[in-house]
């Protein structure tokens, strides 16, 4: 039972850190173009 005193705050801190990182990624536009890389790989732009 004594371990819960340490594990619950650590779990809450890690969850809060993940939430902050996700919100930061949303605000910086990390999820704006989800299909861009998938479509870019199909086209060969190099001229040999």
N, C-alpha and C. Protein backbone atom coordinates (compact mmCIF):
# COMPACT_ATOMS: atom_id res chain seq x y z
N UNK A 1 0.81 -1.21 0.00
CA UNK A 1 0.00 0.00 0.00
C UNK A 1 0.85 1.26 0.00
N UNK A 2 2.03 1.18 0.57
CA UNK A 2 2.89 2.37 0.61
C UNK A 2 3.38 2.74 -0.79
N UNK A 3 3.44 1.76 -1.67
CA UNK A 3 3.89 2.05 -3.03
C UNK A 3 2.89 2.93 -3.77
N UNK A 4 1.61 2.82 -3.44
CA UNK A 4 0.60 3.65 -4.10
C UNK A 4 0.79 5.13 -3.81
N UNK A 5 1.35 5.44 -2.68
CA UNK A 5 1.61 6.84 -2.33
C UNK A 5 2.58 7.46 -3.32
N UNK A 6 3.48 6.66 -3.86
CA UNK A 6 4.46 7.16 -4.84
C UNK A 6 3.98 6.97 -6.28
N UNK A 7 3.30 5.87 -6.55
CA UNK A 7 2.94 5.54 -7.93
C UNK A 7 1.81 6.40 -8.48
N UNK A 8 0.84 6.74 -7.67
CA UNK A 8 -0.28 7.56 -8.16
C UNK A 8 0.18 8.95 -8.59
N UNK A 9 0.95 9.68 -7.81
CA UNK A 9 1.43 10.99 -8.29
C UNK A 9 2.34 10.88 -9.51
N UNK A 10 3.14 9.84 -9.59
CA UNK A 10 4.01 9.66 -10.76
C UNK A 10 3.16 9.40 -12.00
N UNK A 11 2.13 8.58 -11.88
CA UNK A 11 1.24 8.30 -13.01
C UNK A 11 0.51 9.55 -13.44
N UNK A 12 0.04 10.34 -12.49
CA UNK A 12 -0.64 11.59 -12.83
C UNK A 12 0.31 12.58 -13.51
N UNK A 13 1.53 12.64 -13.04
CA UNK A 13 2.52 13.53 -13.64
C UNK A 13 2.85 13.11 -15.07
N UNK A 14 3.01 11.81 -15.31
CA UNK A 14 3.29 11.32 -16.65
C UNK A 14 2.10 11.56 -17.59
N UNK A 15 0.90 11.34 -17.09
CA UNK A 15 -0.29 11.60 -17.90
C UNK A 15 -0.43 13.07 -18.24
N UNK A 16 -0.19 13.94 -17.28
CA UNK A 16 -0.27 15.38 -17.52
C UNK A 16 0.81 15.82 -18.51
N UNK A 17 2.01 15.24 -18.41
CA UNK A 17 3.09 15.57 -19.34
C UNK A 17 2.73 15.15 -20.76
N UNK A 18 2.12 13.97 -20.91
CA UNK A 18 1.69 13.53 -22.23
C UNK A 18 0.60 14.42 -22.80
N UNK A 19 -0.32 14.86 -21.97
CA UNK A 19 -1.38 15.76 -22.41
C UNK A 19 -0.81 17.10 -22.87
N UNK A 20 0.14 17.63 -22.14
CA UNK A 20 0.78 18.89 -22.51
C UNK A 20 1.53 18.74 -23.82
N UNK A 21 2.24 17.61 -24.01
CA UNK A 21 2.96 17.38 -25.26
C UNK A 21 1.99 17.27 -26.44
N UNK A 22 0.84 16.62 -26.24
CA UNK A 22 -0.14 16.50 -27.30
C UNK A 22 -0.74 17.86 -27.67
N UNK A 23 -1.05 18.66 -26.67
CA UNK A 23 -1.60 20.00 -26.93
C UNK A 23 -0.57 20.86 -27.64
N UNK A 24 0.69 20.75 -27.25
CA UNK A 24 1.77 21.50 -27.92
C UNK A 24 1.87 21.10 -29.39
N UNK A 25 1.78 19.79 -29.67
CA UNK A 25 1.86 19.32 -31.04
C UNK A 25 0.67 19.81 -31.87
N UNK A 26 -0.50 19.86 -31.27
CA UNK A 26 -1.67 20.37 -31.98
C UNK A 26 -1.51 21.84 -32.34
N UNK A 27 -1.01 22.63 -31.40
CA UNK A 27 -0.87 24.07 -31.63
C UNK A 27 0.24 24.39 -32.63
N UNK A 28 1.23 23.51 -32.77
CA UNK A 28 2.33 23.75 -33.70
C UNK A 28 2.08 23.15 -35.07
N UNK A 29 0.89 22.59 -35.32
CA UNK A 29 0.55 22.11 -36.64
C UNK A 29 1.13 20.76 -37.01
N UNK A 30 1.45 19.94 -36.07
CA UNK A 30 2.04 18.64 -36.36
C UNK A 30 1.07 17.70 -37.04
N UNK A 31 -0.22 17.92 -36.90
CA UNK A 31 -1.22 17.02 -37.44
C UNK A 31 -2.01 17.65 -38.59
N UNK A 32 -1.48 18.72 -39.20
CA UNK A 32 -2.21 19.41 -40.26
C UNK A 32 -2.25 18.61 -41.56
N UNK A 33 -1.14 17.99 -41.95
CA UNK A 33 -1.05 17.29 -43.23
C UNK A 33 -0.74 15.82 -42.98
N UNK A 34 -1.77 15.04 -42.72
CA UNK A 34 -1.57 13.63 -42.40
C UNK A 34 -1.31 12.78 -43.63
N UNK A 35 -1.81 13.19 -44.79
CA UNK A 35 -1.66 12.38 -46.00
C UNK A 35 -0.53 12.86 -46.91
N UNK A 36 0.10 13.96 -46.58
CA UNK A 36 1.13 14.52 -47.45
C UNK A 36 2.30 13.60 -47.69
N UNK A 37 2.86 13.03 -46.65
CA UNK A 37 4.01 12.15 -46.80
C UNK A 37 3.63 10.87 -47.53
N UNK A 38 2.43 10.39 -47.31
CA UNK A 38 1.99 9.17 -47.99
C UNK A 38 1.84 9.39 -49.49
N UNK A 39 1.43 10.57 -49.90
CA UNK A 39 1.27 10.86 -51.32
C UNK A 39 2.59 11.25 -51.97
N UNK A 40 3.46 11.91 -51.23
CA UNK A 40 4.74 12.35 -51.78
C UNK A 40 5.63 11.19 -52.17
N UNK A 41 5.54 10.08 -51.46
CA UNK A 41 6.41 8.95 -51.75
C UNK A 41 6.05 8.28 -53.07
N UNK A 42 4.83 8.51 -53.55
CA UNK A 42 4.38 7.89 -54.79
C UNK A 42 4.90 8.61 -56.02
N UNK A 43 5.33 9.86 -55.90
CA UNK A 43 5.77 10.63 -57.06
C UNK A 43 7.28 10.73 -57.08
N UNK A 44 7.85 10.51 -58.26
CA UNK A 44 9.30 10.61 -58.44
C UNK A 44 9.61 11.94 -59.07
N UNK A 45 10.16 12.87 -58.32
CA UNK A 45 10.44 14.21 -58.81
C UNK A 45 11.85 14.35 -59.39
N UNK A 46 12.66 13.35 -59.23
CA UNK A 46 14.05 13.44 -59.74
C UNK A 46 14.07 13.21 -61.24
N UNK A 47 14.78 14.07 -61.94
CA UNK A 47 14.95 13.93 -63.38
C UNK A 47 16.35 13.38 -63.65
N UNK A 48 16.42 12.18 -64.19
CA UNK A 48 17.73 11.55 -64.45
C UNK A 48 18.24 11.88 -65.81
